[in-house]
C-alpha atoms as a PDB file:
ATOM      1  CA  MET A   1       0.000   0.000   0.000  1.00  0.00           C
ATOM      2  CA  LYS A   2       1.439   3.338  -0.976  1.00  0.00           C
ATOM      3  CA  THR A   3       1.666   6.236   1.439  1.00  0.00           C
ATOM      4  CA  ASN A   4       1.099   9.837   0.406  1.00  0.00           C
ATOM      5  CA  THR A   5       1.555  12.979   2.460  1.00  0.00           C
ATOM      6  CA  PRO A   6      -0.613  15.988   1.546  1.00  0.00           C
ATOM      7  CA  THR A   7       0.755  19.366   2.550  1.00  0.00           C
ATOM      8  CA  HIS A   8      -1.055  21.272   5.306  1.00  0.00           C
ATOM      9  CA  ILE A   9      -0.509  24.711   6.796  1.00  0.00           C
ATOM     10  CA  VAL A  10       1.504  23.463   9.796  1.00  0.00           C
ATOM     11  CA  ASP A  11       3.480  21.131   7.552  1.00  0.00           C
ATOM     12  CA  ARG A  12       4.356  23.991   5.166  1.00  0.00           C
ATOM     13  CA  ILE A  13       5.458  26.303   7.979  1.00  0.00           C
ATOM     14  CA  VAL A  14       7.635  23.645   9.592  1.00  0.00           C
ATOM     15  CA  ARG A  15       9.262  22.627   6.310  1.00  0.00           C
ATOM     16  CA  HIS A  16      10.325  26.231   5.731  1.00  0.00           C
ATOM     17  CA  ILE A  17      12.057  26.183   9.109  1.00  0.00           C
ATOM     18  CA  SER A  18      13.715  22.778   8.929  1.00  0.00           C
ATOM     19  CA  HIS A  19      13.849  19.843   6.560  1.00  0.00           C
ATOM     20  CA  ALA A  20      11.847  17.260   8.499  1.00  0.00           C
ATOM     21  CA  GLN A  21      11.866  13.534   7.779  1.00  0.00           C
ATOM     22  CA  LYS A  22       9.502  10.956   9.203  1.00  0.00           C
ATOM     23  CA  VAL A  23      11.366   9.405  12.111  1.00  0.00           C
ATOM     24  CA  VAL A  24       8.534   8.541  14.534  1.00  0.00           C
ATOM     25  CA  HIS A  25       5.834   5.948  13.828  1.00  0.00           C
ATOM     26  CA  GLY A  26       2.327   7.218  14.400  1.00  0.00           C
ATOM     27  CA  ASN A  27       1.230   3.861  15.869  1.00  0.00           C
ATOM     28  CA  HIS A  28       3.515   4.350  18.861  1.00  0.00           C
ATOM     29  CA  VAL A  29       2.381   7.950  19.366  1.00  0.00           C
ATOM     30  CA  LEU A  30      -1.357   7.178  19.256  1.00  0.00           C
ATOM     31  CA  ILE A  31      -1.210   4.013  21.372  1.00  0.00           C
ATOM     32  CA  ILE A  32       0.717   5.732  24.170  1.00  0.00           C
ATOM     33  CA  TYR A  33      -1.464   8.831  23.826  1.00  0.00           C
ATOM     34  CA  TYR A  34      -4.721   6.836  24.045  1.00  0.00           C
ATOM     35  CA  ILE A  35      -3.458   5.001  27.133  1.00  0.00           C
ATOM     36  CA  ILE A  36      -2.583   8.306  28.829  1.00  0.00           C
ATOM     37  CA  ILE A  37      -6.019   9.760  28.030  1.00  0.00           C
ATOM     38  CA  ILE A  38      -7.675   6.649  29.509  1.00  0.00           C
ATOM     39  CA  LEU A  39      -5.567   6.994  32.661  1.00  0.00           C
ATOM     40  CA  PHE A  40      -6.532  10.653  33.002  1.00  0.00           C
ATOM     41  CA  VAL A  41     -10.215   9.778  32.565  1.00  0.00           C
ATOM     42  CA  ILE A  42      -9.938   7.139  35.302  1.00  0.00           C
ATOM     43  CA  PHE A  43      -8.109   9.652  37.513  1.00  0.00           C
ATOM     44  CA  ASP A  44     -10.818  12.259  36.862  1.00  0.00           C
ATOM     45  CA  ILE A  45     -13.614   9.792  37.727  1.00  0.00           C
ATOM     46  CA  TYR A  46     -11.799   8.674  40.890  1.00  0.00           C
ATOM     47  CA  ILE A  47     -11.353  12.249  42.153  1.00  0.00           C
ATOM     48  CA  ARG A  48     -14.989  13.156  41.460  1.00  0.00           C
ATOM     49  CA  HIS A  49     -16.343  10.094  43.271  1.00  0.00           C
ATOM     50  CA  HIS A  50     -14.124  10.545  46.326  1.00  0.00           C
ATOM     51  CA  VAL A  51     -13.896  14.326  46.424  1.00  0.00           C
ATOM     52  CA  GLU A  52     -15.547  14.741  49.856  1.00  0.00           C
ATOM     53  CA  ARG A  53     -13.321  12.154  51.559  1.00  0.00           C
ATOM     54  CA  LEU A  54     -10.187  13.477  49.876  1.00  0.00           C
ATOM     55  CA  LEU A  55     -11.003  17.034  50.908  1.00  0.00           C
ATOM     56  CA  LYS A  56     -11.287  15.971  54.540  1.00  0.00           C
ATOM     57  CA  GLU A  57      -7.954  14.152  54.385  1.00  0.00           C
ATOM     58  CA  LYS A  58      -6.267  16.841  52.296  1.00  0.00           C
ATOM     59  CA  LYS A  59      -4.728  18.776  55.192  1.00  0.00           C
ATOM     60  CA  ASP A  60      -3.296  15.733  56.957  1.00  0.00           C
ATOM     61  CA  ASP A  61      -2.238  13.703  53.924  1.00  0.00           C
ATOM     62  CA  LYS A  62       0.513  15.146  51.717  1.00  0.00           C
ATOM     63  CA  LEU A  63      -0.275  12.696  48.919  1.00  0.00           C
ATOM     64  CA  ASN A  64      -3.907  13.813  48.754  1.00  0.00           C
ATOM     65  CA  ASN A  65      -2.786  17.424  48.824  1.00  0.00           C
ATOM     66  CA  ARG A  66      -0.502  16.828  45.831  1.00  0.00           C
ATOM     67  CA  LEU A  67      -3.238  14.929  44.007  1.00  0.00           C
ATOM     68  CA  PHE A  68      -5.595  17.860  44.403  1.00  0.00           C
ATOM     69  CA  LYS A  69      -3.027  20.349  43.208  1.00  0.00           C
ATOM     70  CA  PHE A  70      -2.336  18.164  40.178  1.00  0.00           C
ATOM     71  CA  TYR A  71      -6.069  17.803  39.550  1.00  0.00           C
ATOM     72  CA  GLU A  72      -6.646  21.567  39.775  1.00  0.00           C
ATOM     73  CA  ILE A  73      -3.885  22.189  37.237  1.00  0.00           C
ATOM     74  CA  TYR A  74      -5.362  19.554  34.928  1.00  0.00           C
ATOM     75  CA  GLN A  75      -8.840  21.098  35.194  1.00  0.00           C
ATOM     76  CA  LYS A  76      -7.627  24.626  34.574  1.00  0.00           C
ATOM     77  CA  HIS A  77      -5.055  23.931  31.855  1.00  0.00           C
ATOM     78  CA  GLY A  78      -6.237  20.608  30.423  1.00  0.00           C
ATOM     79  CA  PHE A  79      -5.471  21.347  26.782  1.00  0.00           C
ATOM     80  CA  ILE A  80      -1.969  22.684  27.462  1.00  0.00           C
ATOM     81  CA  PHE A  81      -1.310  19.820  29.860  1.00  0.00           C
ATOM     82  CA  ILE A  82      -2.309  17.145  27.322  1.00  0.00           C
ATOM     83  CA  ASN A  83      -0.363  18.925  24.600  1.00  0.00           C
ATOM     84  CA  ILE A  84       2.786  18.883  26.732  1.00  0.00           C
ATOM     85  CA  ILE A  85       2.326  15.151  27.302  1.00  0.00           C
ATOM     86  CA  LEU A  86       1.977  14.625  23.553  1.00  0.00           C
ATOM     87  CA  TYR A  87       5.158  16.660  23.049  1.00  0.00           C
ATOM     88  CA  ILE A  88       7.048  14.527  25.579  1.00  0.00           C
ATOM     89  CA  ILE A  89       5.838  11.317  23.903  1.00  0.00           C
ATOM     90  CA  VAL A  90       6.995  12.424  20.444  1.00  0.00           C
ATOM     91  CA  LEU A  91      10.276  13.766  21.825  1.00  0.00           C
ATOM     92  CA  ALA A  92      11.028  10.519  23.673  1.00  0.00           C
ATOM     93  CA  LEU A  93      10.181   8.380  20.618  1.00  0.00           C
ATOM     94  CA  THR A  94      12.338  10.579  18.389  1.00  0.00           C
ATOM     95  CA  ILE A  95      15.330  10.314  20.726  1.00  0.00           C
ATOM     96  CA  ALA A  96      14.815   6.525  20.923  1.00  0.00           C
ATOM     97  CA  GLU A  97      14.809   6.264  17.112  1.00  0.00           C
ATOM     98  CA  GLU A  98      17.423   8.865  16.100  1.00  0.00           C
ATOM     99  CA  GLY A  99      19.255   9.796  19.276  1.00  0.00           C
ATOM    100  CA  ILE A 100      19.695  13.442  20.295  1.00  0.00           C
ATOM    101  CA  ASP A 101      19.526  15.387  17.032  1.00  0.00           C
ATOM    102  CA  VAL A 102      19.327  19.174  17.463  1.00  0.00           C
ATOM    103  CA  GLU A 103      17.583  19.702  14.109  1.00  0.00           C
ATOM    104  CA  TYR A 104      14.820  17.234  14.929  1.00  0.00           C
ATOM    105  CA  LEU A 105      14.385  18.648  18.433  1.00  0.00           C
ATOM    106  CA  ILE A 106      14.033  22.182  17.057  1.00  0.00           C
ATOM    107  CA  THR A 107      11.581  20.993  14.385  1.00  0.00           C
ATOM    108  CA  ILE A 108       9.435  19.116  16.906  1.00  0.00           C
ATOM    109  CA  THR A 109       9.416  22.026  19.362  1.00  0.00           C
ATOM    110  CA  LEU A 110       8.487  24.607  16.730  1.00  0.00           C
ATOM    111  CA  SER A 111       5.810  22.300  15.340  1.00  0.00           C
ATOM    112  CA  PHE A 112       4.229  21.915  18.756  1.00  0.00           C
ATOM    113  CA  LEU A 113       4.280  25.651  19.394  1.00  0.00           C
ATOM    114  CA  ILE A 114       2.602  26.404  16.051  1.00  0.00           C
ATOM    115  CA  PHE A 115       0.091  23.600  16.427  1.00  0.00           C
ATOM    116  CA  THR A 116      -0.722  24.558  20.028  1.00  0.00           C
ATOM    117  CA  VAL A 117      -1.459  28.162  19.078  1.00  0.00           C
ATOM    118  CA  LEU A 118      -3.678  27.149  16.143  1.00  0.00           C
ATOM    119  CA  MET A 119      -5.619  24.540  18.127  1.00  0.00           C
ATOM    120  CA  LYS A 120      -5.965  26.824  21.148  1.00  0.00           C
ATOM    121  CA  LEU A 121      -7.565  29.508  18.966  1.00  0.00           C
ATOM    122  CA  VAL A 122      -9.994  26.984  17.477  1.00  0.00           C
ATOM    123  CA  LEU A 123     -10.914  25.476  20.854  1.00  0.00           C
ATOM    124  CA  LYS A 124     -11.281  28.905  22.461  1.00  0.00           C
ATOM    125  CA  PHE A 125     -13.877  29.809  19.844  1.00  0.00           C
ATOM    126  CA  PHE A 126     -15.918  26.595  20.063  1.00  0.00           C
ATOM    127  CA  ILE A 127     -15.020  24.884  23.350  1.00  0.00           C
ATOM    128  CA  ASN A 128     -13.682  26.441  26.549  1.00  0.00           C
ATOM    129  CA  GLU A 129     -13.879  25.878  30.293  1.00  0.00           C
ATOM    130  CA  ALA A 130     -17.179  27.788  30.538  1.00  0.00           C
ATOM    131  CA  SER A 131     -18.832  26.148  27.525  1.00  0.00           C
ATOM    132  CA  TYR A 132     -20.873  23.654  29.575  1.00  0.00           C
ATOM    133  CA  SER A 133     -22.388  24.207  32.993  1.00  0.00           C
ATOM    134  CA  ASN A 134     -22.609  20.436  33.545  1.00  0.00           C
ATOM    135  CA  LYS A 135     -19.038  19.528  34.522  1.00  0.00           C
ATOM    136  CA  MET A 136     -19.315  15.828  33.659  1.00  0.00           C
ATOM    137  CA  PHE A 137     -20.436  16.493  30.108  1.00  0.00           C
ATOM    138  CA  GLY A 138     -17.925  19.313  29.847  1.00  0.00           C
ATOM    139  CA  ARG A 139     -15.128  16.853  30.634  1.00  0.00           C
ATOM    140  CA  MET A 140     -16.521  14.446  28.010  1.00  0.00           C
ATOM    141  CA  ILE A 141     -16.259  17.192  25.401  1.00  0.00           C
ATOM    142  CA  HIS A 142     -12.706  17.877  26.513  1.00  0.00           C
ATOM    143  CA  VAL A 143     -11.807  14.177  26.087  1.00  0.00           C
ATOM    144  CA  ILE A 144     -13.223  14.329  22.549  1.00  0.00           C
ATOM    145  CA  CYS A 145     -11.052  17.384  21.868  1.00  0.00           C
ATOM    146  CA  TYR A 146      -7.989  15.510  23.165  1.00  0.00           C
ATOM    147  CA  ILE A 147      -8.703  12.617  20.786  1.00  0.00           C
ATOM    148  CA  ILE A 148      -9.039  15.075  17.900  1.00  0.00           C
ATOM    149  CA  LEU A 149      -5.835  16.821  18.968  1.00  0.00           C
ATOM    150  CA  GLY A 150      -3.779  13.613  19.032  1.00  0.00           C
ATOM    151  CA  ASN A 151      -4.999  12.400  15.638  1.00  0.00           C
ATOM    152  CA  TYR A 152      -4.650  15.738  13.892  1.00  0.00           C
ATOM    153  CA  PHE A 153      -1.135  16.173  15.206  1.00  0.00           C
ATOM    154  CA  THR A 154      -0.117  12.618  14.286  1.00  0.00           C
ATOM    155  CA  PHE A 155      -1.295  12.958  10.693  1.00  0.00           C
ATOM    156  CA  PHE A 156      -0.306  16.584  10.064  1.00  0.00           C
ATOM    157  CA  MET A 157       3.230  16.656  11.471  1.00  0.00           C
ATOM    158  CA  PRO A 158       5.948  16.059   8.827  1.00  0.00           C
ATOM    159  CA  PHE A 159       8.207  14.024  11.140  1.00  0.00           C
ATOM    160  CA  ILE A 160       5.565  11.414  12.097  1.00  0.00           C
ATOM    161  CA  LYS A 161       4.793   8.391   9.940  1.00  0.00           C
ATOM    162  CA  PRO A 162       1.023   7.941   9.461  1.00  0.00           C
ATOM    163  CA  PRO A 163      -0.380   5.324  11.870  1.00  0.00           C
ATOM    164  CA  ASP A 164      -2.410   2.292  10.819  1.00  0.00           C
ATOM    165  CA  LEU A 165      -6.021   3.170  10.091  1.00  0.00           C
ATOM    166  CA  LEU A 166      -7.289   0.563  12.547  1.00  0.00           C
ATOM    167  CA  ILE A 167      -5.514   2.306  15.435  1.00  0.00           C
ATOM    168  CA  ALA A 168      -6.531   5.802  14.320  1.00  0.00           C
ATOM    169  CA  TYR A 169     -10.151   4.773  13.749  1.00  0.00           C
ATOM    170  CA  SER A 170     -10.452   3.118  17.157  1.00  0.00           C
ATOM    171  CA  GLY A 171      -9.949   6.415  18.994  1.00  0.00           C
ATOM    172  CA  LEU A 172     -12.025   8.430  16.530  1.00  0.00           C
ATOM    173  CA  ILE A 173     -14.987   6.047  16.805  1.00  0.00           C
ATOM    174  CA  ILE A 174     -14.815   6.220  20.612  1.00  0.00           C
ATOM    175  CA  GLY A 175     -14.939  10.004  20.292  1.00  0.00           C
ATOM    176  CA  LEU A 176     -18.020   9.744  18.059  1.00  0.00           C
ATOM    177  CA  LEU A 177     -19.741   7.419  20.538  1.00  0.00           C
ATOM    178  CA  ILE A 178     -19.147   9.946  23.321  1.00  0.00           C
ATOM    179  CA  CYS A 179     -20.628  12.695  21.116  1.00  0.00           C
ATOM    180  CA  PHE A 180     -23.709  10.581  20.400  1.00  0.00           C
ATOM    181  CA  TYR A 181     -24.120   9.826  24.108  1.00  0.00           C
ATOM    182  CA  VAL A 182     -24.002  13.525  24.993  1.00  0.00           C
ATOM    183  CA  MET A 183     -26.521  14.384  22.265  1.00  0.00           C
ATOM    184  CA  THR A 184     -28.855  11.585  23.390  1.00  0.00           C
ATOM    185  CA  GLN A 185     -28.774  12.818  26.976  1.00  0.00           C
ATOM    186  CA  ALA A 186     -29.441  16.361  25.741  1.00  0.00           C
ATOM    187  CA  ILE A 187     -32.794  15.211  24.334  1.00  0.00           C
ATOM    188  CA  PHE A 188     -34.036  14.372  27.828  1.00  0.00           C
ATOM    189  CA  ASN A 189     -32.232  17.201  29.599  1.00  0.00           C
ATOM    190  CA  PRO A 190     -31.049  19.924  27.191  1.00  0.00           C
ATOM    191  CA  GLU A 191     -29.712  22.016  30.073  1.00  0.00           C
ATOM    192  CA  ILE A 192     -26.632  19.766  30.295  1.00  0.00           C
ATOM    193  CA  LEU A 193     -25.334  21.668  27.251  1.00  0.00           C
ATOM    194  CA  LYS A 194     -26.085  25.078  28.702  1.00  0.00           C
ATOM    195  CA  SER A 195     -23.332  27.559  29.420  1.00  0.00           C
ATOM    196  CA  ASN A 196     -23.734  29.751  32.494  1.00  0.00           C
ATOM    197  CA  THR A 197     -21.876  32.632  30.870  1.00  0.00           C
ATOM    198  CA  ASP A 198     -24.074  32.582  27.769  1.00  0.00           C
ATOM    199  CA  THR A 199     -27.386  32.378  29.615  1.00  0.00           C
ATOM    200  CA  LYS A 200     -26.630  35.534  31.590  1.00  0.00           C
ATOM    201  CA  HIS A 201     -26.553  37.570  28.390  1.00  0.00           C
ATOM    202  CA  TYR A 202     -28.656  35.760  25.806  1.00  0.00           C
ATOM    203  CA  GLY A 203     -30.934  33.347  27.669  1.00  0.00           C
ATOM    204  CA  ASP A 204     -31.198  29.590  28.143  1.00  0.00           C
ATOM    205  CA  ALA A 205     -32.133  28.763  24.550  1.00  0.00           C
ATOM    206  CA  TYR A 206     -29.009  30.392  23.130  1.00  0.00           C
ATOM    207  CA  GLY A 207     -26.747  28.638  25.636  1.00  0.00           C
ATOM    208  CA  ILE A 208     -28.234  25.217  24.851  1.00  0.00           C
ATOM    209  CA  LEU A 209     -28.088  25.697  21.081  1.00  0.00           C
ATOM    210  CA  LYS A 210     -24.488  26.868  21.306  1.00  0.00           C
ATOM    211  CA  GLY A 211     -23.631  23.788  23.361  1.00  0.00           C
ATOM    212  CA  MET A 212     -25.292  21.518  20.808  1.00  0.00           C
ATOM    213  CA  LEU A 213     -23.414  23.292  18.014  1.00  0.00           C
ATOM    214  CA  GLY A 214     -20.150  22.575  19.841  1.00  0.00           C
ATOM    215  CA  VAL A 215     -20.976  18.844  19.855  1.00  0.00           C
ATOM    216  CA  VAL A 216     -21.823  18.959  16.125  1.00  0.00           C
ATOM    217  CA  VAL A 217     -18.471  20.642  15.428  1.00  0.00           C
ATOM    218  CA  CYS A 218     -16.736  17.827  17.345  1.00  0.00           C
ATOM    219  CA  ILE A 219     -18.579  15.223  15.240  1.00  0.00           C
ATOM    220  CA  LEU A 220     -17.536  16.940  12.010  1.00  0.00           C
ATOM    221  CA  ALA A 221     -13.915  17.199  13.213  1.00  0.00           C
ATOM    222  CA  LEU A 222     -13.813  13.491  14.105  1.00  0.00           C
ATOM    223  CA  GLU A 223     -15.361  12.449  10.805  1.00  0.00           C
ATOM    224  CA  TYR A 224     -13.064  14.708   8.809  1.00  0.00           C
ATOM    225  CA  MET A 225     -10.147  13.024  10.530  1.00  0.00           C
ATOM    226  CA  MET A 226     -11.530   9.627   9.488  1.00  0.00           C
ATOM    227  CA  VAL A 227     -11.854  10.788   5.870  1.00  0.00           C
ATOM    228  CA  TYR A 228      -8.507  12.544   5.838  1.00  0.00           C
ATOM    229  CA  SER A 229      -6.563   9.724   7.501  1.00  0.00           C
ATOM    230  CA  ALA A 230      -7.776   7.201   4.909  1.00  0.00           C
ATOM    231  CA  PHE A 231      -6.841   9.698   2.188  1.00  0.00           C
ATOM    232  CA  VAL A 232      -3.347  10.169   3.650  1.00  0.00           C
ATOM    233  CA  ILE A 233      -2.676   6.435   3.825  1.00  0.00           C
ATOM    234  CA  ASN A 234      -3.764   5.921   0.225  1.00  0.00           C
ATOM    235  CA  HIS A 235      -5.230   8.478  -2.179  1.00  0.00           C
ATOM    236  CA  ASP A 236      -7.018   5.684  -4.027  1.00  0.00           C
ATOM    237  CA  PHE A 237      -9.537   5.350  -1.180  1.00  0.00           C
ATOM    238  CA  TYR A 238     -11.274   8.358  -2.780  1.00  0.00           C
ATOM    239  CA  ILE A 239     -11.806   8.913  -6.487  1.00  0.00           C
ATOM    240  CA  SER A 240     -12.814  12.075  -8.307  1.00  0.00           C
ATOM    241  CA  GLY A 241     -15.372  11.683 -11.092  1.00  0.00           C
ATOM    242  CA  SER A 242     -13.484  14.272 -13.151  1.00  0.00           C
ATOM    243  CA  GLY A 243     -10.168  12.479 -12.638  1.00  0.00           C
ATOM    244  CA  LYS A 244      -8.459  15.444 -10.948  1.00  0.00           C
ATOM    245  CA  ALA A 245      -5.971  14.993  -8.105  1.00  0.00           C
ATOM    246  CA  LEU A 246      -7.622  15.404  -4.699  1.00  0.00           C
ATOM    247  CA  ASN A 247      -6.285  17.157  -1.603  1.00  0.00           C
ATOM    248  CA  GLY A 248      -7.264  17.854   2.006  1.00  0.00           C
ATOM    249  CA  ILE A 249      -9.675  20.637   1.037  1.00  0.00           C
ATOM    250  CA  ASP A 250     -11.463  18.261  -1.335  1.00  0.00           C
ATOM    251  CA  MET A 251     -11.849  15.825   1.555  1.00  0.00           C
ATOM    252  CA  PHE A 252     -13.463  18.540   3.672  1.00  0.00           C
ATOM    253  CA  TYR A 253     -15.813  19.343   0.786  1.00  0.00           C
ATOM    254  CA  TYR A 254     -16.649  15.633   0.475  1.00  0.00           C
ATOM    255  CA  LEU A 255     -17.422  15.449   4.216  1.00  0.00           C
ATOM    256  CA  ILE A 256     -19.766  18.464   4.169  1.00  0.00           C
ATOM    257  CA  VAL A 257     -21.578  17.279   1.038  1.00  0.00           C
ATOM    258  CA  SER A 258     -21.972  13.783   2.503  1.00  0.00           C
ATOM    259  CA  PHE A 259     -22.986  14.984   5.976  1.00  0.00           C
ATOM    260  CA  SER A 260     -25.604  17.324   4.515  1.00  0.00           C
ATOM    261  CA  THR A 261     -26.929  14.319   2.491  1.00  0.00           C
ATOM    262  CA  ILE A 262     -26.579  16.281  -0.768  1.00  0.00           C
ATOM    263  CA  GLY A 263     -24.185  13.737  -2.266  1.00  0.00           C
ATOM    264  CA  TYR A 264     -23.217  15.157  -5.668  1.00  0.00           C
ATOM    265  CA  GLY A 265     -21.176  12.057  -6.458  1.00  0.00           C
ATOM    266  CA  ASP A 266     -18.214  13.995  -7.875  1.00  0.00           C
ATOM    267  CA  ILE A 267     -16.038  12.390  -5.160  1.00  0.00           C
ATOM    268  CA  TYR A 268     -16.819   8.904  -4.008  1.00  0.00           C
ATOM    269  CA  PRO A 269     -15.202   6.304  -1.713  1.00  0.00           C
ATOM    270  CA  THR A 270     -13.859   3.004  -2.955  1.00  0.00           C
ATOM    271  CA  SER A 271     -12.329  -0.135  -1.490  1.00  0.00           C
ATOM    272  CA  ILE A 272      -8.740  -1.244  -1.969  1.00  0.00           C
ATOM    273  CA  GLY A 273      -8.498  -5.011  -1.924  1.00  0.00           C
ATOM    274  CA  ASN A 274     -10.232  -6.111   1.259  1.00  0.00           C
ATOM    275  CA  LEU A 275      -9.932  -2.683   2.903  1.00  0.00           C
ATOM    276  CA  TYR A 276     -13.213  -0.765   3.133  1.00  0.00           C
ATOM    277  CA  TYR A 277     -12.198   2.127   5.388  1.00  0.00           C
ATOM    278  CA  SER A 278     -13.500   4.901   3.122  1.00  0.00           C
ATOM    279  CA  GLN A 279     -16.807   3.140   2.493  1.00  0.00           C
ATOM    280  CA  PHE A 280     -17.174   2.399   6.203  1.00  0.00           C
ATOM    281  CA  THR A 281     -16.557   6.092   6.877  1.00  0.00           C
ATOM    282  CA  ALA A 282     -19.242   7.041   4.339  1.00  0.00           C
ATOM    283  CA  ILE A 283     -21.732   4.836   6.216  1.00  0.00           C
ATOM    284  CA  ILE A 284     -20.729   6.442   9.532  1.00  0.00           C
ATOM    285  CA  ILE A 285     -21.168   9.940   8.066  1.00  0.00           C
ATOM    286  CA  GLY A 286     -24.632   9.110   6.688  1.00  0.00           C
ATOM    287  CA  LEU A 287     -25.875   7.520   9.917  1.00  0.00           C
ATOM    288  CA  SER A 288     -24.421  10.266  12.116  1.00  0.00           C
ATOM    289  CA  SER A 289     -26.033  12.911   9.902  1.00  0.00           C
ATOM    290  CA  MET A 290     -29.489  11.415  10.449  1.00  0.00           C
ATOM    291  CA  PHE A 291     -28.842  10.859  14.160  1.00  0.00           C
ATOM    292  CA  THR A 292     -27.473  14.382  14.667  1.00  0.00           C
ATOM    293  CA  SER A 293     -30.377  16.001  12.840  1.00  0.00           C
ATOM    294  CA  GLY A 294     -32.880  14.061  14.946  1.00  0.00           C
ATOM    295  CA  CYS A 295     -31.108  14.881  18.217  1.00  0.00           C
ATOM    296  CA  PHE A 296     -30.717  18.545  17.293  1.00  0.00           C
ATOM    297  CA  ILE A 297     -34.396  18.963  16.453  1.00  0.00           C
ATOM    298  CA  SER A 298     -35.449  17.018  19.565  1.00  0.00           C
ATOM    299  CA  ALA A 299     -33.195  19.143  21.766  1.00  0.00           C
ATOM    300  CA  VAL A 300     -34.648  22.333  20.270  1.00  0.00           C
ATOM    301  CA  ILE A 301     -38.217  21.136  20.903  1.00  0.00           C
ATOM    302  CA  SER A 302     -37.323  19.991  24.409  1.00  0.00           C
ATOM    303  CA  THR A 303     -35.691  23.351  25.109  1.00  0.00           C
ATOM    304  CA  ALA A 304     -38.755  25.220  23.871  1.00  0.00           C
ATOM    305  CA  ASN A 305     -41.028  23.083  26.079  1.00  0.00           C
ATOM    306  CA  THR A 306     -38.784  23.576  29.118  1.00  0.00           C
ATOM    307  CA  ILE A 307     -38.684  27.351  28.656  1.00  0.00           C
ATOM    308  CA  ALA A 308     -42.467  27.487  28.073  1.00  0.00           C
ATOM    309  CA  GLU A 309     -43.105  25.480  31.260  1.00  0.00           C
ATOM    310  CA  SER A 310     -40.821  27.701  33.310  1.00  0.00           C
ATOM    311  CA  HIS A 311     -42.567  30.820  31.962  1.00  0.00           C
ATOM    312  CA  ASN A 312     -45.978  29.344  32.717  1.00  0.00           C
ATOM    313  CA  GLN A 313     -44.918  28.510  36.264  1.00  0.00           C
ATOM    314  CA  GLY A 314     -43.591  32.040  36.691  1.00  0.00           C
ATOM    315  CA  ASN A 315     -46.830  33.536  35.423  1.00  0.00           C
ATOM    316  CA  ASN A 316     -48.890  31.274  37.681  1.00  0.00           C
ATOM    317  CA  ASN A 317     -46.805  32.226  40.708  1.00  0.00           C
ATOM    318  CA  GLY A 318     -47.230  35.876  39.767  1.00  0.00           C
ATOM    319  CA  ASP A 319     -50.995  35.535  39.507  1.00  0.00           C
ATOM    320  CA  GLN A 320     -51.161  33.803  42.887  1.00  0.00           C
ATOM    321  CA  ASN A 321     -49.185  36.595  44.472  1.00  0.00           C
END
């Protein structure tokens, strides 16, 4: 199977700074990264379930005190913290493969700085610490963002060999399942997506719709990564009806057209031997589009009913007074 590497904005910037060669295998990066995310999730769940006991023992137990300080840093600077861990993983794997090479170390460091700034700007616009008033669901969204971060970095960086699709897809599908779980819960209780900061200025409906939009953006980002990763591994997974060479922008266009169920057919997925990754992705996009539309409409209706009931109760209380 041939491997192709499309050029992206981070890749272009880094290549102008230093000639980067692929020295780290993406499989190693993603496997270690997924394990670390799982450990952090377990740590987060443990702290939340034992928070009262740990708070009581915090003053007398130095270990608990350190755990809480670590947990507070993780909560406040989760994205930066995870990004530093990803940097350490790549740095350690690079040194293990090539030894201490100043050029590679500079390239990796600059790449992380550029990527961190770009991702931080994107996440600040769509997802931030105040995006969801429900902390549990807020942490779920953050985990999804970490999965997106790891995959985007692994496939976009010029010094990392693309990982196997099976490994990349495993994390991306888990991220999609979390998104679907959050959206399903929002049907029954749309306020889990509400942001306290938004509702103060624009009302409950705006906060809930913005929260739902953030989940939809996460779904699109995960599915684009599925499309793009298959395209990176082998361009022949996607064929243009006009015969033109495709690129990353074409893959984004294909995702939007497929997700919106327009389906022009100018770009279509195909199998390579017994590998059906692109066709499997097309099925996922179609099903998620229907599921997302249904959840979004249901959440809007549920929100309208909740707001109407609260207004009616307020009016009734006013009449009684």
